[in-house]
Amino acid sequence: GGATQQLDQQGGGIGSKLMTAVLDRDGDGDVDSADLAAM
């Protein structure tokens, strides 16, 4: 958790956005344009 937080701090929060997209933010089972908008 500390490592991911460090990556978020140094990367402007992009790490958590990427992880959210991988877990399928909109719940449709695919990483689509809506998910990738966070990135």
Full PDB file with SEQRES, HELIX, SHEET, SSBOND, CRYST1, ORIGX, SCALE, CONECT and MASTER records, all heavy atoms in Angstrom:
SEQRES   1 A   39  GLY GLY ALA THR GLN GLN LEU ASP GLN GLN GLY GLY GLY          
SEQRES   2 A   39  ILE GLY SER LYS LEU MET THR ALA VAL LEU ASP ARG ASP          
SEQRES   3 A   39  GLY ASP GLY ASP VAL ASP SER ALA ASP LEU ALA ALA MET          
HELIX    1 AA1 GLY A    2  GLN A   10  1                                   9    
HELIX    2 AA2 ILE A   14  VAL A   22  1                                   9    
HELIX    3 AA3 SER A   33  LEU A   36  1                                   4    
CRYST1    1.000    1.000    1.000  90.00  90.00  90.00 P 1           1          
ORIGX1      1.000000  0.000000  0.000000        0.00000                         
ORIGX2      0.000000  1.000000  0.000000        0.00000                         
ORIGX3      0.000000  0.000000  1.000000        0.00000                         
SCALE1      1.000000  0.000000  0.000000        0.00000                         
SCALE2      0.000000  1.000000  0.000000        0.00000                         
SCALE3      0.000000  0.000000  1.000000        0.00000                         
ATOM      1  N   GLY A   1       0.813  -1.202   0.000  1.00  0.00           N  
ATOM      2  CA  GLY A   1       0.000   0.000   0.000  1.00  0.00           C  
ATOM      3  C   GLY A   1       0.849   1.256   0.000  1.00  0.00           C  
ATOM      4  O   GLY A   1       0.545   2.234  -0.697  1.00  0.00           O  
ATOM      5  N   GLY A   2       1.945   1.241   0.770  1.00  0.00           N  
ATOM      6  CA  GLY A   2       2.861   2.377   0.767  1.00  0.00           C  
ATOM      7  C   GLY A   2       3.511   2.586  -0.587  1.00  0.00           C  
ATOM      8  O   GLY A   2       3.704   3.722  -1.033  1.00  0.00           O  
ATOM      9  N   ALA A   3       3.843   1.480  -1.267  1.00  0.00           N  
ATOM     10  CA  ALA A   3       4.454   1.578  -2.594  1.00  0.00           C  
ATOM     11  C   ALA A   3       3.480   2.172  -3.603  1.00  0.00           C  
ATOM     12  O   ALA A   3       3.848   3.041  -4.404  1.00  0.00           O  
ATOM     13  CB  ALA A   3       4.926   0.203  -3.052  1.00  0.00           C  
ATOM     14  N   THR A   4       2.236   1.696  -3.584  1.00  0.00           N  
ATOM     15  CA  THR A   4       1.262   2.234  -4.531  1.00  0.00           C  
ATOM     16  C   THR A   4       0.959   3.701  -4.232  1.00  0.00           C  
ATOM     17  O   THR A   4       0.757   4.496  -5.152  1.00  0.00           O  
ATOM     18  CB  THR A   4      -0.041   1.411  -4.517  1.00  0.00           C  
ATOM     19  OG1 THR A   4      -0.551   1.337  -3.177  1.00  0.00           O  
ATOM     20  CG2 THR A   4       0.201   0.002  -5.019  1.00  0.00           C  
ATOM     21  N   GLN A   5       0.957   4.058  -2.960  1.00  0.00           N  
ATOM     22  CA  GLN A   5       0.736   5.463  -2.600  1.00  0.00           C  
ATOM     23  C   GLN A   5       1.887   6.331  -3.102  1.00  0.00           C  
ATOM     24  O   GLN A   5       1.674   7.441  -3.599  1.00  0.00           O  
ATOM     25  CB  GLN A   5       0.581   5.602  -1.088  1.00  0.00           C  
ATOM     26  CG  GLN A   5       0.251   7.023  -0.640  1.00  0.00           C  
ATOM     27  CD  GLN A   5       0.046   7.102   0.864  1.00  0.00           C  
ATOM     28  OE1 GLN A   5       0.588   6.300   1.625  1.00  0.00           O  
ATOM     29  NE2 GLN A   5      -0.731   8.071   1.302  1.00  0.00           N  
ATOM     30  N   GLN A   6       3.124   5.836  -2.989  1.00  0.00           N  
ATOM     31  CA  GLN A   6       4.270   6.584  -3.480  1.00  0.00           C  
ATOM     32  C   GLN A   6       4.178   6.784  -4.994  1.00  0.00           C  
ATOM     33  O   GLN A   6       4.447   7.874  -5.507  1.00  0.00           O  
ATOM     34  CB  GLN A   6       5.576   5.859  -3.138  1.00  0.00           C  
ATOM     35  CG  GLN A   6       6.836   6.604  -3.591  1.00  0.00           C  
ATOM     36  CD  GLN A   6       8.104   5.865  -3.227  1.00  0.00           C  
ATOM     37  OE1 GLN A   6       8.101   4.944  -2.413  1.00  0.00           O  
ATOM     38  NE2 GLN A   6       9.211   6.266  -3.830  1.00  0.00           N  
ATOM     39  N   LEU A   7       3.791   5.726  -5.714  1.00  0.00           N  
ATOM     40  CA  LEU A   7       3.625   5.858  -7.159  1.00  0.00           C  
ATOM     41  C   LEU A   7       2.546   6.875  -7.495  1.00  0.00           C  
ATOM     42  O   LEU A   7       2.688   7.662  -8.436  1.00  0.00           O  
ATOM     43  CB  LEU A   7       3.273   4.497  -7.771  1.00  0.00           C  
ATOM     44  CG  LEU A   7       4.391   3.465  -7.838  1.00  0.00           C  
ATOM     45  CD1 LEU A   7       3.840   2.116  -8.284  1.00  0.00           C  
ATOM     46  CD2 LEU A   7       5.503   3.912  -8.774  1.00  0.00           C  
ATOM     47  N   ASP A   8       1.460   6.870  -6.729  1.00  0.00           N  
ATOM     48  CA  ASP A   8       0.387   7.835  -6.961  1.00  0.00           C  
ATOM     49  C   ASP A   8       0.878   9.267  -6.744  1.00  0.00           C  
ATOM     50  O   ASP A   8       0.593  10.168  -7.531  1.00  0.00           O  
ATOM     51  CB  ASP A   8      -0.775   7.551  -6.013  1.00  0.00           C  
ATOM     52  CG  ASP A   8      -1.919   6.837  -6.714  1.00  0.00           C  
ATOM     53  OD1 ASP A   8      -1.732   6.407  -7.870  1.00  0.00           O  
ATOM     54  OD2 ASP A   8      -2.984   6.705  -6.105  1.00  0.00           O  
ATOM     55  N   GLN A   9       1.626   9.471  -5.672  1.00  0.00           N  
ATOM     56  CA  GLN A   9       2.117  10.811  -5.358  1.00  0.00           C  
ATOM     57  C   GLN A   9       3.062  11.317  -6.428  1.00  0.00           C  
ATOM     58  O   GLN A   9       3.023  12.483  -6.830  1.00  0.00           O  
ATOM     59  CB  GLN A   9       2.797  10.812  -3.987  1.00  0.00           C  
ATOM     60  CG  GLN A   9       1.841  10.629  -2.823  1.00  0.00           C  
ATOM     61  CD  GLN A   9       2.553  10.433  -1.496  1.00  0.00           C  
ATOM     62  OE1 GLN A   9       3.763  10.180  -1.447  1.00  0.00           O  
ATOM     63  NE2 GLN A   9       1.815  10.555  -0.405  1.00  0.00           N  
ATOM     64  N   GLN A  10       3.935  10.431  -6.923  1.00  0.00           N  
ATOM     65  CA  GLN A  10       4.930  10.848  -7.905  1.00  0.00           C  
ATOM     66  C   GLN A  10       4.381  10.836  -9.327  1.00  0.00           C  
ATOM     67  O   GLN A  10       4.966  11.445 -10.212  1.00  0.00           O  
ATOM     68  CB  GLN A  10       6.170   9.951  -7.808  1.00  0.00           C  
ATOM     69  CG  GLN A  10       6.905  10.119  -6.477  1.00  0.00           C  
ATOM     70  CD  GLN A  10       8.136   9.242  -6.370  1.00  0.00           C  
ATOM     71  OE1 GLN A  10       8.053   8.105  -5.933  1.00  0.00           O  
ATOM     72  NE2 GLN A  10       9.264   9.767  -6.763  1.00  0.00           N  
ATOM     73  N   GLY A  11       3.250  10.168  -9.522  1.00  0.00           N  
ATOM     74  CA  GLY A  11       2.666  10.093 -10.856  1.00  0.00           C  
ATOM     75  C   GLY A  11       1.371  10.856 -10.997  1.00  0.00           C  
ATOM     76  O   GLY A  11       0.632  10.649 -11.954  1.00  0.00           O  
ATOM     77  N   GLY A  12       1.059  11.714 -10.047  1.00  0.00           N  
ATOM     78  CA  GLY A  12      -0.143  12.526 -10.155  1.00  0.00           C  
ATOM     79  C   GLY A  12      -1.432  11.755  -9.995  1.00  0.00           C  
ATOM     80  O   GLY A  12      -2.479  12.155 -10.504  1.00  0.00           O  
ATOM     81  N   GLY A  13      -1.385  10.612  -9.292  1.00  0.00           N  
ATOM     82  CA  GLY A  13      -2.586   9.828  -9.052  1.00  0.00           C  
ATOM     83  C   GLY A  13      -2.938   8.867 -10.169  1.00  0.00           C  
ATOM     84  O   GLY A  13      -3.967   8.188 -10.100  1.00  0.00           O  
ATOM     85  N   ILE A  14      -2.071   8.768 -11.188  1.00  0.00           N  
ATOM     86  CA  ILE A  14      -2.417   7.940 -12.337  1.00  0.00           C  
ATOM     87  C   ILE A  14      -2.466   6.456 -11.977  1.00  0.00           C  
ATOM     88  O   ILE A  14      -3.222   5.693 -12.570  1.00  0.00           O  
ATOM     89  CB  ILE A  14      -1.427   8.194 -13.501  1.00  0.00           C  
ATOM     90  CG1 ILE A  14      -1.937   7.544 -14.797  1.00  0.00           C  
ATOM     91  CG2 ILE A  14      -0.033   7.689 -13.146  1.00  0.00           C  
ATOM     92  CD1 ILE A  14      -3.220   8.113 -15.296  1.00  0.00           C  
ATOM     93  N   GLY A  15      -1.671   6.027 -11.000  1.00  0.00           N  
ATOM     94  CA  GLY A  15      -1.651   4.610 -10.643  1.00  0.00           C  
ATOM     95  C   GLY A  15      -2.999   4.106 -10.196  1.00  0.00           C  
ATOM     96  O   GLY A  15      -3.465   3.052 -10.649  1.00  0.00           O  
ATOM     97  N   SER A  16      -3.665   4.845  -9.317  1.00  0.00           N  
ATOM     98  CA  SER A  16      -4.967   4.403  -8.844  1.00  0.00           C  
ATOM     99  C   SER A  16      -6.005   4.455  -9.957  1.00  0.00           C  
ATOM    100  O   SER A  16      -6.914   3.621 -10.011  1.00  0.00           O  
ATOM    101  CB  SER A  16      -5.423   5.269  -7.660  1.00  0.00           C  
ATOM    102  OG  SER A  16      -5.517   6.623  -8.031  1.00  0.00           O  
ATOM    103  N   LYS A  17      -5.885   5.413 -10.877  1.00  0.00           N  
ATOM    104  CA  LYS A  17      -6.810   5.474 -12.003  1.00  0.00           C  
ATOM    105  C   LYS A  17      -6.637   4.260 -12.917  1.00  0.00           C  
ATOM    106  O   LYS A  17      -7.620   3.678 -13.394  1.00  0.00           O  
ATOM    107  CB  LYS A  17      -6.588   6.763 -12.790  1.00  0.00           C  
ATOM    108  CG  LYS A  17      -6.974   8.015 -12.023  1.00  0.00           C  
ATOM    109  CD  LYS A  17      -6.637   9.262 -12.817  1.00  0.00           C  
ATOM    110  CE  LYS A  17      -6.947  10.525 -12.008  1.00  0.00           C  
ATOM    111  NZ  LYS A  17      -6.577  11.761 -12.727  1.00  0.00           N  
ATOM    112  N   LEU A  18      -5.389   3.885 -13.155  1.00  0.00           N  
ATOM    113  CA  LEU A  18      -5.140   2.704 -13.971  1.00  0.00           C  
ATOM    114  C   LEU A  18      -5.696   1.453 -13.315  1.00  0.00           C  
ATOM    115  O   LEU A  18      -6.323   0.620 -13.967  1.00  0.00           O  
ATOM    116  CB  LEU A  18      -3.635   2.542 -14.213  1.00  0.00           C  
ATOM    117  CG  LEU A  18      -3.014   3.469 -15.247  1.00  0.00           C  
ATOM    118  CD1 LEU A  18      -1.502   3.503 -15.082  1.00  0.00           C  
ATOM    119  CD2 LEU A  18      -3.395   3.049 -16.643  1.00  0.00           C  
ATOM    120  N   MET A  19      -5.469   1.309 -12.009  1.00  0.00           N  
ATOM    121  CA  MET A  19      -5.950   0.127 -11.313  1.00  0.00           C  
ATOM    122  C   MET A  19      -7.478   0.084 -11.335  1.00  0.00           C  
ATOM    123  O   MET A  19      -8.084  -0.982 -11.529  1.00  0.00           O  
ATOM    124  CB  MET A  19      -5.434   0.115  -9.869  1.00  0.00           C  
ATOM    125  CG  MET A  19      -5.665  -1.196  -9.151  1.00  0.00           C  
ATOM    126  SD  MET A  19      -4.844  -2.565  -9.993  1.00  0.00           S  
ATOM    127  CE  MET A  19      -5.725  -3.948  -9.272  1.00  0.00           C  
ATOM    128  N   THR A  20      -8.123   1.237 -11.162  1.00  0.00           N  
ATOM    129  CA  THR A  20      -9.577   1.287 -11.225  1.00  0.00           C  
ATOM    130  C   THR A  20     -10.075   0.857 -12.596  1.00  0.00           C  
ATOM    131  O   THR A  20     -11.054   0.120 -12.723  1.00  0.00           O  
ATOM    132  CB  THR A  20     -10.076   2.709 -10.908  1.00  0.00           C  
ATOM    133  OG1 THR A  20      -9.683   3.058  -9.584  1.00  0.00           O  
ATOM    134  CG2 THR A  20     -11.591   2.799 -11.011  1.00  0.00           C  
ATOM    135  N   ALA A  21      -9.382   1.300 -13.643  1.00  0.00           N  
ATOM    136  CA  ALA A  21      -9.783   0.924 -14.998  1.00  0.00           C  
ATOM    137  C   ALA A  21      -9.634  -0.570 -15.216  1.00  0.00           C  
ATOM    138  O   ALA A  21     -10.478  -1.211 -15.843  1.00  0.00           O  
ATOM    139  CB  ALA A  21      -8.953   1.690 -16.026  1.00  0.00           C  
ATOM    140  N   VAL A  22      -8.552  -1.156 -14.699  1.00  0.00           N  
ATOM    141  CA  VAL A  22      -8.338  -2.596 -14.855  1.00  0.00           C  
ATOM    142  C   VAL A  22      -9.431  -3.373 -14.149  1.00  0.00           C  
ATOM    143  O   VAL A  22      -9.887  -4.421 -14.627  1.00  0.00           O  
ATOM    144  CB  VAL A  22      -6.946  -2.995 -14.318  1.00  0.00           C  
ATOM    145  CG1 VAL A  22      -6.815  -4.508 -14.187  1.00  0.00           C  
ATOM    146  CG2 VAL A  22      -5.862  -2.458 -15.234  1.00  0.00           C  
ATOM    147  N   LEU A  23      -9.882  -2.877 -13.015  1.00  0.00           N  
ATOM    148  CA  LEU A  23     -10.956  -3.546 -12.286  1.00  0.00           C  
ATOM    149  C   LEU A  23     -12.333  -3.245 -12.878  1.00  0.00           C  
ATOM    150  O   LEU A  23     -13.337  -3.664 -12.326  1.00  0.00           O  
ATOM    151  CB  LEU A  23     -10.918  -3.121 -10.807  1.00  0.00           C  
ATOM    152  CG  LEU A  23      -9.710  -3.631 -10.031  1.00  0.00           C  
ATOM    153  CD1 LEU A  23      -9.714  -3.069  -8.608  1.00  0.00           C  
ATOM    154  CD2 LEU A  23      -9.684  -5.146  -9.993  1.00  0.00           C  
ATOM    155  N   ASP A  24     -12.335  -2.503 -14.001  1.00  0.00           N  
ATOM    156  CA  ASP A  24     -13.567  -2.228 -14.734  1.00  0.00           C  
ATOM    157  C   ASP A  24     -14.488  -1.301 -13.964  1.00  0.00           C  
ATOM    158  O   ASP A  24     -15.448  -1.708 -13.332  1.00  0.00           O  
ATOM    159  CB  ASP A  24     -14.307  -3.512 -15.112  1.00  0.00           C  
ATOM    160  CG  ASP A  24     -15.482  -3.213 -16.044  1.00  0.00           C  
ATOM    161  OD1 ASP A  24     -15.431  -2.203 -16.757  1.00  0.00           O  
ATOM    162  OD2 ASP A  24     -16.434  -3.986 -16.021  1.00  0.00           O  
ATOM    163  N   ARG A  25     -14.197  -0.064 -14.083  1.00  0.00           N  
ATOM    164  CA  ARG A  25     -14.913   0.966 -13.351  1.00  0.00           C  
ATOM    165  C   ARG A  25     -16.415   0.943 -13.615  1.00  0.00           C  
ATOM    166  O   ARG A  25     -17.223   1.157 -12.716  1.00  0.00           O  
ATOM    167  CB  ARG A  25     -14.332   2.333 -13.741  1.00  0.00           C  
ATOM    168  CG  ARG A  25     -14.872   3.500 -12.943  1.00  0.00           C  
ATOM    169  CD  ARG A  25     -14.116   4.756 -13.346  1.00  0.00           C  
ATOM    170  NE  ARG A  25     -14.463   5.869 -12.502  1.00  0.00           N  
ATOM    171  CZ  ARG A  25     -13.831   7.038 -12.534  1.00  0.00           C  
ATOM    172  NH1 ARG A  25     -12.822   7.210 -13.350  1.00  0.00           N  
ATOM    173  NH2 ARG A  25     -14.198   8.020 -11.748  1.00  0.00           N  
ATOM    174  N   ASP A  26     -16.823   0.719 -14.913  1.00  0.00           N  
ATOM    175  CA  ASP A  26     -18.254   0.787 -15.205  1.00  0.00           C  
ATOM    176  C   ASP A  26     -18.939  -0.564 -15.131  1.00  0.00           C  
ATOM    177  O   ASP A  26     -20.129  -0.674 -15.417  1.00  0.00           O  
ATOM    178  CB  ASP A  26     -18.510   1.446 -16.575  1.00  0.00           C  
ATOM    179  CG  ASP A  26     -17.878   0.669 -17.737  1.00  0.00           C  
ATOM    180  OD1 ASP A  26     -17.498  -0.500 -17.532  1.00  0.00           O  
ATOM    181  OD2 ASP A  26     -17.783   1.236 -18.837  1.00  0.00           O  
ATOM    182  N   GLY A  27     -18.183  -1.615 -14.759  1.00  0.00           N  
ATOM    183  CA  GLY A  27     -18.794  -2.902 -14.479  1.00  0.00           C  
ATOM    184  C   GLY A  27     -19.263  -3.688 -15.680  1.00  0.00           C  
ATOM    185  O   GLY A  27     -20.007  -4.646 -15.538  1.00  0.00           O  
ATOM    186  N   ASP A  28     -18.795  -3.317 -16.897  1.00  0.00           N  
ATOM    187  CA  ASP A  28     -19.308  -4.008 -18.076  1.00  0.00           C  
ATOM    188  C   ASP A  28     -18.395  -5.128 -18.551  1.00  0.00           C  
ATOM    189  O   ASP A  28     -18.639  -5.739 -19.581  1.00  0.00           O  
ATOM    190  CB  ASP A  28     -19.558  -3.018 -19.223  1.00  0.00           C  
ATOM    191  CG  ASP A  28     -18.269  -2.390 -19.753  1.00  0.00           C  
ATOM    192  OD1 ASP A  28     -17.193  -2.660 -19.192  1.00  0.00           O  
ATOM    193  OD2 ASP A  28     -18.348  -1.631 -20.744  1.00  0.00           O  
ATOM    194  N   GLY A  29     -17.300  -5.393 -17.816  1.00  0.00           N  
ATOM    195  CA  GLY A  29     -16.428  -6.504 -18.174  1.00  0.00           C  
ATOM    196  C   GLY A  29     -15.391  -6.169 -19.208  1.00  0.00           C  
ATOM    197  O   GLY A  29     -14.701  -7.050 -19.704  1.00  0.00           O  
ATOM    198  N   ASP A  30     -15.223  -4.896 -19.568  1.00  0.00           N  
ATOM    199  CA  ASP A  30     -14.262  -4.534 -20.591  1.00  0.00           C  
ATOM    200  C   ASP A  30     -13.664  -3.184 -20.243  1.00  0.00           C  
ATOM    201  O   ASP A  30     -14.308  -2.349 -19.617  1.00  0.00           O  
ATOM    202  CB  ASP A  30     -14.967  -4.457 -21.962  1.00  0.00           C  
ATOM    203  CG  ASP A  30     -13.981  -4.302 -23.104  1.00  0.00           C  
ATOM    204  OD1 ASP A  30     -12.819  -4.677 -22.929  1.00  0.00           O  
ATOM    205  OD2 ASP A  30     -14.394  -3.821 -24.181  1.00  0.00           O  
ATOM    206  N   VAL A  31     -12.412  -2.984 -20.647  1.00  0.00           N  
ATOM    207  CA  VAL A  31     -11.790  -1.680 -20.476  1.00  0.00           C  
ATOM    208  C   VAL A  31     -12.099  -0.879 -21.730  1.00  0.00           C  
ATOM    209  O   VAL A  31     -11.451  -1.024 -22.756  1.00  0.00           O  
ATOM    210  CB  VAL A  31     -10.267  -1.808 -20.275  1.00  0.00           C  
ATOM    211  CG1 VAL A  31      -9.647  -0.434 -20.087  1.00  0.00           C  
ATOM    212  CG2 VAL A  31      -9.968  -2.671 -19.061  1.00  0.00           C  
ATOM    213  N   ASP A  32     -13.131  -0.039 -21.669  1.00  0.00           N  
ATOM    214  CA  ASP A  32     -13.543   0.705 -22.853  1.00  0.00           C  
ATOM    215  C   ASP A  32     -13.201   2.176 -22.694  1.00  0.00           C  
ATOM    216  O   ASP A  32     -12.488   2.573 -21.784  1.00  0.00           O  
ATOM    217  CB  ASP A  32     -15.028   0.498 -23.133  1.00  0.00           C  
ATOM    218  CG  ASP A  32     -15.902   0.903 -21.949  1.00  0.00           C  
ATOM    219  OD1 ASP A  32     -15.410   1.665 -21.086  1.00  0.00           O  
ATOM    220  OD2 ASP A  32     -17.063   0.471 -21.900  1.00  0.00           O  
ATOM    221  N   SER A  33     -13.703   2.998 -23.592  1.00  0.00           N  
ATOM    222  CA  SER A  33     -13.339   4.412 -23.583  1.00  0.00           C  
ATOM    223  C   SER A  33     -13.768   5.103 -22.301  1.00  0.00           C  
ATOM    224  O   SER A  33     -13.101   6.031 -21.827  1.00  0.00           O  
ATOM    225  CB  SER A  33     -13.971   5.119 -24.795  1.00  0.00           C  
ATOM    226  OG  SER A  33     -15.375   4.966 -24.784  1.00  0.00           O  
ATOM    227  N   ALA A  34     -14.852   4.657 -21.701  1.00  0.00           N  
ATOM    228  CA  ALA A  34     -15.289   5.270 -20.448  1.00  0.00           C  
ATOM    229  C   ALA A  34     -14.306   4.982 -19.326  1.00  0.00           C  
ATOM    230  O   ALA A  34     -13.996   5.849 -18.509  1.00  0.00           O  
ATOM    231  CB  ALA A  34     -16.683   4.749 -20.075  1.00  0.00           C  
ATOM    232  N   ASP A  35     -13.799   3.744 -19.294  1.00  0.00           N  
ATOM    233  CA  ASP A  35     -12.809   3.397 -18.284  1.00  0.00           C  
ATOM    234  C   ASP A  35     -11.511   4.162 -18.504  1.00  0.00           C  
ATOM    235  O   ASP A  35     -10.893   4.660 -17.568  1.00  0.00           O  
ATOM    236  CB  ASP A  35     -12.509   1.896 -18.336  1.00  0.00           C  
ATOM    237  CG  ASP A  35     -13.720   1.037 -18.050  1.00  0.00           C  
ATOM    238  OD1 ASP A  35     -14.422   1.323 -17.069  1.00  0.00           O  
ATOM    239  OD2 ASP A  35     -13.964   0.077 -18.804  1.00  0.00           O  
ATOM    240  N   LEU A  36     -11.074   4.228 -19.776  1.00  0.00           N  
ATOM    241  CA  LEU A  36      -9.782   4.833 -20.073  1.00  0.00           C  
ATOM    242  C   LEU A  36      -9.800   6.345 -19.959  1.00  0.00           C  
ATOM    243  O   LEU A  36      -8.749   6.973 -19.920  1.00  0.00           O  
ATOM    244  CB  LEU A  36      -9.336   4.414 -21.477  1.00  0.00           C  
ATOM    245  CG  LEU A  36      -9.093   2.913 -21.643  1.00  0.00           C  
ATOM    246  CD1 LEU A  36      -8.777   2.588 -23.089  1.00  0.00           C  
ATOM    247  CD2 LEU A  36      -7.983   2.438 -20.737  1.00  0.00           C  
ATOM    248  N   ALA A  37     -10.975   6.947 -19.855  1.00  0.00           N  
ATOM    249  CA  ALA A  37     -11.043   8.393 -19.673  1.00  0.00           C  
ATOM    250  C   ALA A  37     -10.342   8.817 -18.391  1.00  0.00           C  
ATOM    251  O   ALA A  37      -9.767   9.902 -18.314  1.00  0.00           O  
ATOM    252  CB  ALA A  37     -12.496   8.852 -19.657  1.00  0.00           C  
ATOM    253  N   ALA A  38     -10.398   7.956 -17.372  1.00  0.00           N  
ATOM    254  CA  ALA A  38      -9.715   8.278 -16.113  1.00  0.00           C  
ATOM    255  C   ALA A  38      -8.220   8.375 -16.320  1.00  0.00           C  
ATOM    256  O   ALA A  38      -7.549   9.211 -15.720  1.00  0.00           O  
ATOM    257  CB  ALA A  38     -10.035   7.216 -15.061  1.00  0.00           C  
ATOM    258  N   MET A  39      -7.681   7.496 -17.182  1.00  0.00           N  
ATOM    259  CA  MET A  39      -6.250   7.552 -17.468  1.00  0.00           C  
ATOM    260  C   MET A  39      -5.911   8.779 -18.296  1.00  0.00           C  
ATOM    261  O   MET A  39      -4.952   9.493 -18.023  1.00  0.00           O  
ATOM    262  CB  MET A  39      -5.812   6.284 -18.203  1.00  0.00           C  
ATOM    263  CG  MET A  39      -5.814   5.051 -17.340  1.00  0.00           C  
ATOM    264  SD  MET A  39      -5.120   3.628 -18.198  1.00  0.00           S  
ATOM    265  CE  MET A  39      -6.576   3.024 -19.036  1.00  0.00           C  
TER     266      MET A  39                                                      
MASTER        0    0    0    3    0    0    0    6  265    1    0    3          
END                                                                             
